[in-house]
Amino acid sequence: MSHPEPADYSRPNAAVIASQNDAFRRFACLGITPDQQIQGRLVVTQSLIEAGDGFVTEAVQATGAFDTFEPDNDPEGWHDFGAVTIRGETVFWKLDLYEASSDFRYGAEAPDNPETTMRVLTVMMARDW
């Protein structure tokens, strides 16, 4: 059974979200300044840190350079997930979008609005998933 969407609901613009996610990821991981301010933070898991010897740096840089988005790994077109291989280890990265004023408790109501959306980019070992 399908439910109709409310009449006032408009789907967020996937291309805008993808562009903002890419810009934030490149800024957080590679230091490339975006055209507009995009709020967010970068988080790495403990197991990524424990890999030692520059592993975090390699994983974060590979995350920032990632650009292989396909329907299988990006079904919504938001560029919010990816996987890279570092030294034979699979590393996942995931972008979650929150309402900026919610202290990370609520998903973004308008994820294509950078003024009200806070991004959290998590880089983790695949085994952490």
Protein backbone atom coordinates (compact mmCIF):
# COMPACT_ATOMS: atom_id res chain seq x y z
CA MET A 1 0.00 0.00 0.00
CA SER A 2 1.39 3.38 -0.90
CA HIS A 3 0.78 6.59 0.93
CA PRO A 4 0.54 9.89 -0.91
CA GLU A 5 3.07 12.51 0.06
CA PRO A 6 1.68 15.64 1.72
CA ALA A 7 0.81 18.33 -0.79
CA ASP A 8 3.32 20.80 0.68
CA TYR A 9 6.25 18.35 0.63
CA SER A 10 8.90 19.02 -1.98
CA ARG A 11 11.76 16.59 -2.44
CA PRO A 12 15.16 18.10 -1.72
CA ASN A 13 17.32 18.72 -4.76
CA ALA A 14 19.68 15.72 -4.98
CA ALA A 15 22.12 17.53 -7.30
CA VAL A 16 22.45 20.42 -4.82
CA ILE A 17 22.95 18.03 -1.90
CA ALA A 18 25.56 16.04 -3.86
CA SER A 19 27.43 19.23 -4.74
CA GLN A 20 27.40 20.41 -1.11
CA ASN A 21 28.43 16.97 0.18
CA ASP A 22 31.30 16.83 -2.31
CA ALA A 23 32.42 20.36 -1.40
CA PHE A 24 32.31 19.61 2.34
CA ARG A 25 34.14 16.29 1.92
CA ARG A 26 36.90 17.94 -0.16
CA PHE A 27 37.20 20.73 2.43
CA ALA A 28 37.25 18.41 5.46
CA CYS A 29 39.65 15.90 3.89
CA LEU A 30 41.78 17.88 1.47
CA GLY A 31 41.51 21.47 2.70
CA ILE A 32 39.92 22.71 -0.55
CA THR A 33 37.81 25.73 0.38
CA PRO A 34 34.22 25.54 -0.92
CA ASP A 35 32.48 28.40 -2.75
CA GLN A 36 29.98 28.72 0.10
CA GLN A 37 30.25 27.96 3.80
CA ILE A 38 29.13 24.42 4.63
CA GLN A 39 28.80 23.42 8.29
CA GLY A 40 30.09 20.10 9.48
CA ARG A 41 32.69 17.99 11.18
CA LEU A 42 34.95 15.07 10.36
CA VAL A 43 35.03 12.03 12.64
CA VAL A 44 37.29 8.96 12.43
CA THR A 45 36.76 5.73 14.35
CA GLN A 46 39.15 4.35 16.95
CA SER A 47 40.03 1.34 14.79
CA LEU A 48 41.13 3.69 12.00
CA ILE A 49 43.43 5.47 14.45
CA GLU A 50 44.75 2.14 15.76
CA ALA A 51 45.84 1.18 12.22
CA GLY A 52 48.70 3.63 12.88
CA ASP A 53 51.61 4.77 10.72
CA GLY A 54 49.82 7.42 8.64
CA PHE A 55 46.81 5.21 7.91
CA VAL A 56 44.31 7.87 9.00
CA THR A 57 45.93 10.45 6.73
CA GLU A 58 45.82 8.10 3.74
CA ALA A 59 42.20 7.14 4.45
CA VAL A 60 41.06 10.74 4.87
CA GLN A 61 42.85 11.88 1.71
CA ALA A 62 41.36 8.98 -0.29
CA THR A 63 37.93 9.89 1.08
CA GLY A 64 38.36 13.48 -0.10
CA ALA A 65 39.46 12.35 -3.56
CA PHE A 66 36.67 9.77 -3.99
CA ASP A 67 34.54 10.39 -7.09
CA THR A 68 33.24 6.99 -8.18
CA PHE A 69 29.52 7.42 -7.65
CA GLU A 70 27.23 4.89 -9.30
CA PRO A 71 23.61 3.82 -8.75
CA ASP A 72 24.78 0.87 -6.61
CA ASN A 73 26.66 3.01 -4.09
CA ASP A 74 24.67 6.25 -4.50
CA PRO A 75 21.01 5.37 -5.12
CA GLU A 76 19.65 8.76 -3.98
CA GLY A 77 22.33 10.72 -5.83
CA TRP A 78 23.44 12.53 -2.67
CA HIS A 79 27.14 11.48 -2.74
CA ASP A 80 26.87 10.52 0.93
CA PHE A 81 28.67 7.16 1.04
CA GLY A 82 31.78 5.57 -0.42
CA ALA A 83 34.41 2.90 0.05
CA VAL A 84 38.14 3.13 -0.56
CA THR A 85 40.94 0.61 -0.15
CA ILE A 86 43.98 1.56 1.91
CA ARG A 87 46.81 -0.97 2.24
CA GLY A 88 44.42 -3.81 1.45
CA GLU A 89 41.85 -2.65 4.03
CA THR A 90 38.39 -1.46 3.03
CA VAL A 91 37.53 1.91 4.52
CA PHE A 92 33.98 3.28 4.43
CA TRP A 93 33.00 6.90 4.68
CA LYS A 94 29.49 8.16 5.36
CA LEU A 95 27.98 11.64 5.43
CA ASP A 96 24.97 12.17 7.71
CA LEU A 97 22.95 15.38 7.55
CA TYR A 98 21.41 16.87 10.69
CA GLU A 99 19.29 19.87 11.54
CA ALA A 100 21.98 22.39 12.57
CA SER A 101 20.10 23.59 15.65
CA SER A 102 19.33 20.08 16.96
CA ASP A 103 22.67 19.12 18.52
CA PHE A 104 22.82 16.12 16.14
CA ARG A 105 19.49 14.72 17.33
CA TYR A 106 17.33 15.23 14.21
CA GLY A 107 17.87 14.69 10.53
CA ALA A 108 18.00 17.78 8.33
CA GLU A 109 14.55 19.00 7.31
CA ALA A 110 15.98 20.79 4.29
CA PRO A 111 19.21 18.91 3.53
CA ASP A 112 19.84 21.09 0.48
CA ASN A 113 19.99 24.23 2.67
CA PRO A 114 23.56 24.68 3.98
CA GLU A 115 22.43 27.32 6.48
CA THR A 116 20.23 24.86 8.39
CA THR A 117 22.13 21.61 7.77
CA MET A 118 25.07 20.24 9.74
CA ARG A 119 27.10 17.49 8.10
CA VAL A 120 28.99 14.75 9.92
CA LEU A 121 31.52 12.86 7.82
CA THR A 122 32.55 9.58 9.47
CA VAL A 123 35.54 7.64 8.14
CA MET A 124 35.74 4.07 9.46
CA MET A 125 37.09 0.62 8.84
CA ALA A 126 34.53 -1.47 6.98
CA ARG A 127 34.54 -3.90 9.88
CA ASP A 128 33.23 -1.06 12.12
CA TRP A 129 30.02 -0.93 10.09
